[in-house]
């Protein structure tokens, strides 16, 4: 009798463990399907025409972006690497991450950023663009 009880207990425990593992895998897969991919604002400042105005823009842009969940993930002058026919872009690059493309677009079109965007355009020369990130694995 005790042997049958132990066998049933082992089977129930094993089934419970398998259920937990499969449930966790299912939750992970569901999260991956519903996870929002980050988005990135990439600015390439090729030339600074007005350093003081650009400093003011950077301060104001940081405050405006924070409201939309942004944070700087990389900034600086690109370094060359030894690759044939490859040269880094001129100037400096900044990469700002947002939680989603919606957050990035909401920031870009916000009254706060619309008010300071002309400062960047007057103070610097260089392109800016958005880049869709990949969802977390």
N, C-alpha and C. Protein backbone atom coordinates (compact mmCIF):
# COMPACT_ATOMS: atom_id res chain seq x y z
N UNK A 1 0.82 -1.19 0.00
CA UNK A 1 0.00 0.00 0.00
C UNK A 1 0.87 1.26 0.00
N UNK A 2 1.89 1.23 0.86
CA UNK A 2 2.78 2.40 0.92
C UNK A 2 3.51 2.58 -0.41
N UNK A 3 3.84 1.50 -1.08
CA UNK A 3 4.53 1.55 -2.36
C UNK A 3 3.65 2.20 -3.43
N UNK A 4 2.37 1.84 -3.45
CA UNK A 4 1.45 2.45 -4.42
C UNK A 4 1.28 3.94 -4.11
N UNK A 5 1.20 4.28 -2.84
CA UNK A 5 1.05 5.68 -2.44
C UNK A 5 2.25 6.50 -2.91
N UNK A 6 3.46 5.93 -2.70
CA UNK A 6 4.68 6.64 -3.12
C UNK A 6 4.72 6.80 -4.64
N UNK A 7 4.33 5.77 -5.37
CA UNK A 7 4.32 5.83 -6.83
C UNK A 7 3.35 6.90 -7.31
N UNK A 8 2.16 6.96 -6.72
CA UNK A 8 1.17 7.98 -7.10
C UNK A 8 1.69 9.37 -6.75
N UNK A 9 2.31 9.47 -5.59
CA UNK A 9 2.85 10.77 -5.16
C UNK A 9 3.95 11.24 -6.11
N UNK A 10 4.81 10.32 -6.54
CA UNK A 10 5.87 10.67 -7.50
C UNK A 10 5.26 11.12 -8.81
N UNK A 11 4.23 10.41 -9.30
CA UNK A 11 3.58 10.78 -10.56
C UNK A 11 2.89 12.13 -10.45
N UNK A 12 2.22 12.36 -9.36
CA UNK A 12 1.53 13.64 -9.16
C UNK A 12 2.55 14.77 -9.07
N UNK A 13 3.64 14.54 -8.35
CA UNK A 13 4.69 15.56 -8.22
C UNK A 13 5.32 15.85 -9.58
N UNK A 14 5.62 14.78 -10.33
CA UNK A 14 6.22 14.96 -11.66
C UNK A 14 5.27 15.71 -12.58
N UNK A 15 3.99 15.34 -12.55
CA UNK A 15 3.01 16.02 -13.40
C UNK A 15 2.90 17.49 -13.01
N UNK A 16 2.91 17.75 -11.73
CA UNK A 16 2.85 19.15 -11.26
C UNK A 16 4.06 19.95 -11.72
N UNK A 17 5.24 19.32 -11.62
CA UNK A 17 6.46 19.99 -12.06
C UNK A 17 6.42 20.28 -13.56
N UNK A 18 5.99 19.30 -14.36
CA UNK A 18 5.88 19.49 -15.81
C UNK A 18 4.88 20.61 -16.11
N UNK A 19 3.78 20.62 -15.37
CA UNK A 19 2.78 21.68 -15.56
C UNK A 19 3.34 23.06 -15.27
N UNK A 20 4.12 23.16 -14.22
CA UNK A 20 4.73 24.45 -13.87
C UNK A 20 5.70 24.89 -14.97
N UNK A 21 6.53 23.96 -15.43
CA UNK A 21 7.50 24.29 -16.48
C UNK A 21 6.79 24.72 -17.76
N UNK A 22 5.77 23.95 -18.18
CA UNK A 22 5.03 24.31 -19.39
C UNK A 22 4.29 25.63 -19.22
N UNK A 23 3.73 25.85 -18.05
CA UNK A 23 3.04 27.12 -17.80
C UNK A 23 3.98 28.30 -17.87
N UNK A 24 5.17 28.14 -17.28
CA UNK A 24 6.16 29.22 -17.32
C UNK A 24 6.60 29.50 -18.76
N UNK A 25 6.78 28.42 -19.53
CA UNK A 25 7.17 28.60 -20.94
C UNK A 25 6.07 29.31 -21.70
N UNK A 26 4.83 28.95 -21.43
CA UNK A 26 3.70 29.60 -22.10
C UNK A 26 3.60 31.07 -21.75
N UNK A 27 3.81 31.41 -20.49
CA UNK A 27 3.78 32.81 -20.07
C UNK A 27 4.91 33.57 -20.75
N UNK A 28 6.09 32.95 -20.82
CA UNK A 28 7.22 33.60 -21.50
C UNK A 28 6.93 33.85 -22.97
N UNK A 29 6.34 32.86 -23.63
CA UNK A 29 6.00 33.03 -25.05
C UNK A 29 4.94 34.11 -25.23
N UNK A 30 3.95 34.12 -24.36
CA UNK A 30 2.91 35.14 -24.44
C UNK A 30 3.50 36.53 -24.22
N UNK A 31 4.40 36.64 -23.25
CA UNK A 31 5.04 37.93 -22.99
C UNK A 31 5.85 38.38 -24.20
N UNK A 32 6.56 37.45 -24.83
CA UNK A 32 7.35 37.80 -26.01
C UNK A 32 6.47 38.29 -27.15
N UNK A 33 5.27 37.73 -27.28
CA UNK A 33 4.36 38.15 -28.34
C UNK A 33 3.75 39.52 -28.06
N UNK A 34 3.57 39.85 -26.80
CA UNK A 34 2.93 41.11 -26.45
C UNK A 34 3.92 42.19 -26.03
N UNK A 35 5.20 41.82 -25.91
CA UNK A 35 6.21 42.79 -25.49
C UNK A 35 6.36 43.87 -26.55
N UNK A 36 6.49 45.09 -26.11
CA UNK A 36 6.67 46.21 -27.03
C UNK A 36 8.16 46.40 -27.28
N UNK A 37 8.50 46.52 -28.53
CA UNK A 37 9.90 46.74 -28.90
C UNK A 37 10.29 48.19 -28.63
N UNK A 38 11.51 48.42 -28.20
CA UNK A 38 11.96 49.79 -28.01
C UNK A 38 12.14 50.49 -29.35
N UNK A 39 12.28 51.79 -29.30
CA UNK A 39 12.57 52.58 -30.49
C UNK A 39 13.73 53.52 -30.14
N UNK A 40 14.46 53.93 -31.16
CA UNK A 40 15.65 54.74 -30.94
C UNK A 40 15.62 56.00 -31.79
N UNK A 41 15.91 57.12 -31.16
CA UNK A 41 16.14 58.38 -31.86
C UNK A 41 17.65 58.45 -32.08
N UNK A 42 18.05 58.66 -33.32
CA UNK A 42 19.47 58.75 -33.65
C UNK A 42 19.72 60.13 -34.24
N UNK A 43 20.59 60.88 -33.61
CA UNK A 43 20.96 62.19 -34.10
C UNK A 43 22.43 62.20 -34.49
N UNK A 44 22.73 62.77 -35.64
CA UNK A 44 24.11 62.90 -36.10
C UNK A 44 24.42 64.39 -36.23
N UNK A 45 25.07 64.92 -35.23
CA UNK A 45 25.44 66.33 -35.25
C UNK A 45 26.77 66.44 -35.99
N UNK A 46 26.68 66.87 -37.25
CA UNK A 46 27.87 66.96 -38.09
C UNK A 46 28.64 68.26 -37.87
N UNK A 47 27.90 69.28 -37.46
CA UNK A 47 28.54 70.58 -37.22
C UNK A 47 27.71 71.36 -36.22
N UNK A 48 28.38 72.01 -35.28
CA UNK A 48 27.71 72.88 -34.31
C UNK A 48 27.92 74.32 -34.74
N UNK A 49 26.81 75.01 -35.01
CA UNK A 49 26.88 76.40 -35.45
C UNK A 49 26.80 77.39 -34.30
N UNK A 50 26.11 76.98 -33.22
CA UNK A 50 25.93 77.84 -32.05
C UNK A 50 25.98 76.96 -30.81
N UNK A 51 27.16 76.92 -30.17
CA UNK A 51 27.39 76.01 -29.04
C UNK A 51 26.47 76.29 -27.87
N UNK A 52 26.23 77.55 -27.55
CA UNK A 52 25.38 77.89 -26.40
C UNK A 52 23.93 77.49 -26.67
N UNK A 53 23.44 77.77 -27.85
CA UNK A 53 22.07 77.40 -28.19
C UNK A 53 21.93 75.87 -28.20
N UNK A 54 22.95 75.17 -28.68
CA UNK A 54 22.92 73.71 -28.68
C UNK A 54 22.91 73.16 -27.26
N UNK A 55 23.67 73.74 -26.37
CA UNK A 55 23.67 73.33 -24.95
C UNK A 55 22.28 73.51 -24.35
N UNK A 56 21.63 74.63 -24.65
CA UNK A 56 20.28 74.88 -24.16
C UNK A 56 19.30 73.83 -24.72
N UNK A 57 19.45 73.53 -26.00
CA UNK A 57 18.60 72.52 -26.63
C UNK A 57 18.78 71.17 -25.94
N UNK A 58 20.04 70.75 -25.72
CA UNK A 58 20.30 69.45 -25.10
C UNK A 58 19.64 69.34 -23.72
N UNK A 59 19.74 70.38 -22.95
CA UNK A 59 19.13 70.38 -21.61
C UNK A 59 17.60 70.26 -21.71
N UNK A 60 17.01 71.06 -22.58
CA UNK A 60 15.55 71.05 -22.74
C UNK A 60 15.07 69.74 -23.36
N UNK A 61 15.82 69.19 -24.32
CA UNK A 61 15.42 67.94 -24.97
C UNK A 61 15.46 66.79 -23.97
N UNK A 62 16.45 66.78 -23.10
CA UNK A 62 16.53 65.73 -22.08
C UNK A 62 15.33 65.75 -21.16
N UNK A 63 14.92 66.94 -20.74
CA UNK A 63 13.75 67.06 -19.87
C UNK A 63 12.47 66.64 -20.60
N UNK A 64 12.33 67.07 -21.84
CA UNK A 64 11.13 66.72 -22.62
C UNK A 64 11.08 65.22 -22.89
N UNK A 65 12.21 64.62 -23.20
CA UNK A 65 12.25 63.20 -23.50
C UNK A 65 11.98 62.33 -22.29
N UNK A 66 12.41 62.78 -21.12
CA UNK A 66 12.20 62.00 -19.89
C UNK A 66 10.71 61.74 -19.64
N UNK A 67 9.88 62.66 -20.04
CA UNK A 67 8.43 62.49 -19.85
C UNK A 67 7.88 61.34 -20.68
N UNK A 68 8.63 60.93 -21.70
CA UNK A 68 8.20 59.86 -22.59
C UNK A 68 9.04 58.59 -22.41
N UNK A 69 9.78 58.53 -21.33
CA UNK A 69 10.54 57.32 -20.99
C UNK A 69 11.87 57.18 -21.68
N UNK A 70 12.43 58.29 -22.17
CA UNK A 70 13.68 58.19 -22.91
C UNK A 70 14.90 58.12 -21.99
N UNK A 71 15.96 57.55 -22.52
CA UNK A 71 17.26 57.62 -21.87
C UNK A 71 18.35 57.43 -22.93
N UNK A 72 19.44 58.14 -22.74
CA UNK A 72 20.55 58.08 -23.70
C UNK A 72 21.27 56.76 -23.51
N UNK A 73 21.46 56.02 -24.60
CA UNK A 73 22.18 54.75 -24.53
C UNK A 73 23.57 54.83 -25.13
N UNK A 74 23.84 55.84 -25.97
CA UNK A 74 25.17 56.02 -26.54
C UNK A 74 25.30 57.45 -27.04
N UNK A 75 26.48 58.01 -26.89
CA UNK A 75 26.75 59.35 -27.39
C UNK A 75 28.25 59.52 -27.56
N UNK A 76 28.63 60.20 -28.61
CA UNK A 76 30.04 60.49 -28.80
C UNK A 76 30.43 60.52 -30.26
N UNK A 77 31.72 60.62 -30.48
CA UNK A 77 32.28 60.66 -31.83
C UNK A 77 32.53 59.22 -32.28
N UNK A 78 31.99 58.83 -33.43
CA UNK A 78 32.20 57.45 -33.91
C UNK A 78 33.68 57.17 -34.14
N UNK A 79 34.09 55.99 -33.76
CA UNK A 79 35.48 55.58 -33.94
C UNK A 79 35.61 54.73 -35.19
N UNK A 80 36.66 54.95 -35.97
CA UNK A 80 36.84 54.12 -37.16
C UNK A 80 37.26 52.71 -36.76
N UNK A 81 36.83 51.75 -37.57
CA UNK A 81 37.31 50.38 -37.40
C UNK A 81 37.92 49.95 -38.73
N UNK A 82 38.76 48.96 -38.67
CA UNK A 82 39.49 48.54 -39.86
C UNK A 82 38.60 47.69 -40.76
N UNK A 83 37.80 48.37 -41.59
CA UNK A 83 36.95 47.69 -42.57
C UNK A 83 37.15 48.37 -43.92
N UNK A 84 37.30 47.58 -44.97
CA UNK A 84 37.45 48.19 -46.30
C UNK A 84 36.23 49.04 -46.65
N UNK A 85 36.47 50.18 -47.26
CA UNK A 85 35.43 51.08 -47.74
C UNK A 85 34.45 51.50 -46.64
N UNK A 86 34.94 51.63 -45.43
CA UNK A 86 34.08 52.02 -44.32
C UNK A 86 34.68 53.21 -43.60
N UNK A 87 33.88 54.22 -43.41
CA UNK A 87 34.31 55.39 -42.66
C UNK A 87 33.17 55.81 -41.74
N UNK A 88 33.49 56.22 -40.53
CA UNK A 88 32.42 56.64 -39.63
C UNK A 88 31.81 57.96 -40.10
N UNK A 89 30.57 58.23 -39.71
CA UNK A 89 29.97 59.51 -40.08
C UNK A 89 30.71 60.67 -39.44
N UNK A 90 30.62 61.80 -40.07
CA UNK A 90 31.24 63.03 -39.57
C UNK A 90 30.50 63.50 -38.32
N UNK A 91 31.22 64.09 -37.40
CA UNK A 91 30.60 64.69 -36.22
C UNK A 91 30.38 63.70 -35.09
N UNK A 92 29.32 63.92 -34.34
CA UNK A 92 29.02 63.04 -33.21
C UNK A 92 27.63 62.43 -33.38
N UNK A 93 27.42 61.34 -32.66
CA UNK A 93 26.17 60.60 -32.73
C UNK A 93 25.58 60.52 -31.32
N UNK A 94 24.27 60.61 -31.24
CA UNK A 94 23.57 60.34 -29.99
C UNK A 94 22.45 59.36 -30.30
N UNK A 95 22.32 58.37 -29.44
CA UNK A 95 21.24 57.38 -29.58
C UNK A 95 20.43 57.42 -28.29
N UNK A 96 19.15 57.73 -28.45
CA UNK A 96 18.25 57.84 -27.30
C UNK A 96 17.19 56.75 -27.44
N UNK A 97 17.06 55.95 -26.40
CA UNK A 97 16.09 54.86 -26.42
C UNK A 97 14.77 55.31 -25.79
N UNK A 98 13.67 54.90 -26.44
CA UNK A 98 12.32 55.10 -25.93
C UNK A 98 11.69 53.73 -25.73
N UNK A 99 10.72 53.61 -24.83
CA UNK A 99 10.09 52.31 -24.60
C UNK A 99 9.40 51.73 -25.84
N UNK A 100 8.95 52.59 -26.75
CA UNK A 100 8.26 52.13 -27.95
C UNK A 100 8.32 53.22 -29.01
N UNK A 101 7.97 52.85 -30.25
CA UNK A 101 7.91 53.84 -31.31
C UNK A 101 6.80 54.86 -31.01
N UNK A 102 5.73 54.41 -30.38
CA UNK A 102 4.66 55.33 -30.00
C UNK A 102 5.19 56.40 -29.06
N UNK A 103 5.98 56.00 -28.06
CA UNK A 103 6.57 56.98 -27.14
C UNK A 103 7.47 57.96 -27.88
N UNK A 104 8.28 57.44 -28.80
CA UNK A 104 9.18 58.31 -29.56
C UNK A 104 8.38 59.31 -30.38
N UNK A 105 7.37 58.82 -31.09
CA UNK A 105 6.56 59.72 -31.92
C UNK A 105 5.78 60.72 -31.06
N UNK A 106 5.28 60.27 -29.92
CA UNK A 106 4.57 61.20 -29.03
C UNK A 106 5.50 62.30 -28.55
N UNK A 107 6.75 61.94 -28.23
CA UNK A 107 7.75 62.94 -27.84
C UNK A 107 8.04 63.89 -29.00
N UNK A 108 8.31 63.33 -30.18
CA UNK A 108 8.66 64.14 -31.36
C UNK A 108 7.54 65.14 -31.68
N UNK A 109 6.30 64.72 -31.54
CA UNK A 109 5.16 65.58 -31.89
C UNK A 109 4.60 66.35 -30.69
N UNK A 110 5.23 66.23 -29.54
CA UNK A 110 4.72 66.90 -28.34
C UNK A 110 4.94 68.41 -28.43
N UNK A 111 4.10 69.17 -27.76
CA UNK A 111 4.31 70.63 -27.71
C UNK A 111 5.66 71.00 -27.10
N UNK A 112 6.12 70.20 -26.11
CA UNK A 112 7.41 70.50 -25.47
C UNK A 112 8.56 70.41 -26.47
N UNK A 113 8.55 69.33 -27.27
CA UNK A 113 9.65 69.17 -28.21
C UNK A 113 9.49 70.08 -29.43
N UNK A 114 8.26 70.28 -29.87
CA UNK A 114 8.02 71.19 -31.01
C UNK A 114 8.55 72.59 -30.70
N UNK A 115 8.49 72.97 -29.43
CA UNK A 115 8.97 74.30 -29.03
C UNK A 115 10.49 74.42 -29.08
N UNK A 116 11.20 73.30 -28.90
CA UNK A 116 12.67 73.39 -28.87
C UNK A 116 13.35 72.83 -30.12
N UNK A 117 12.61 72.11 -30.96
CA UNK A 117 13.20 71.55 -32.19
C UNK A 117 13.89 72.64 -33.02
N UNK A 118 13.31 73.84 -33.16
CA UNK A 118 14.00 74.88 -33.94
C UNK A 118 15.37 75.25 -33.37
N UNK A 119 15.56 75.06 -32.07
CA UNK A 119 16.88 75.34 -31.48
C UNK A 119 17.93 74.40 -32.08
N UNK A 120 17.57 73.11 -32.18
CA UNK A 120 18.51 72.13 -32.76
C UNK A 120 18.78 72.47 -34.22
N UNK A 121 17.73 72.80 -34.95
CA UNK A 121 17.87 73.09 -36.37
C UNK A 121 18.72 74.34 -36.61
N UNK A 122 18.64 75.31 -35.71
CA UNK A 122 19.43 76.53 -35.85
C UNK A 122 20.86 76.34 -35.34
N UNK A 123 21.03 75.51 -34.31
CA UNK A 123 22.33 75.38 -33.66
C UNK A 123 23.25 74.34 -34.31
N UNK A 124 22.67 73.39 -35.08
CA UNK A 124 23.48 72.30 -35.62
C UNK A 124 23.14 72.00 -37.07
N UNK A 125 24.04 71.22 -37.69
CA UNK A 125 23.81 70.68 -39.02
C UNK A 125 23.94 69.17 -38.89
N UNK A 126 22.98 68.44 -39.45
CA UNK A 126 23.07 66.98 -39.43
C UNK A 126 21.69 66.35 -39.34
N UNK A 127 21.59 65.12 -39.78
CA UNK A 127 20.30 64.43 -39.80
C UNK A 127 19.92 63.84 -38.44
N UNK A 128 18.63 63.57 -38.31
CA UNK A 128 18.10 62.85 -37.16
C UNK A 128 17.02 61.91 -37.70
N UNK A 129 16.91 60.75 -37.10
CA UNK A 129 15.92 59.80 -37.58
C UNK A 129 15.54 58.83 -36.46
N UNK A 130 14.49 58.06 -36.70
CA UNK A 130 14.01 57.06 -35.75
C UNK A 130 14.36 55.68 -36.29
N UNK A 131 14.60 54.77 -35.37
CA UNK A 131 14.93 53.40 -35.72
C UNK A 131 14.15 52.47 -34.81
N UNK A 132 13.41 51.54 -35.40
CA UNK A 132 12.64 50.57 -34.63
C UNK A 132 13.58 49.52 -34.05
N UNK A 133 13.47 49.28 -32.75
CA UNK A 133 14.28 48.25 -32.11
C UNK A 133 13.62 46.88 -32.21
N UNK A 134 14.28 45.89 -31.68
CA UNK A 134 13.76 44.53 -31.68
C UNK A 134 13.23 44.21 -30.29
N UNK A 135 12.16 43.40 -30.23
CA UNK A 135 11.65 43.04 -28.91
C UNK A 135 12.68 42.21 -28.15
N UNK A 136 12.63 42.28 -26.84
CA UNK A 136 13.54 41.50 -26.02
C UNK A 136 13.30 40.02 -26.26
N UNK A 137 14.38 39.24 -26.28
CA UNK A 137 14.23 37.79 -26.53
C UNK A 137 13.51 37.10 -25.39
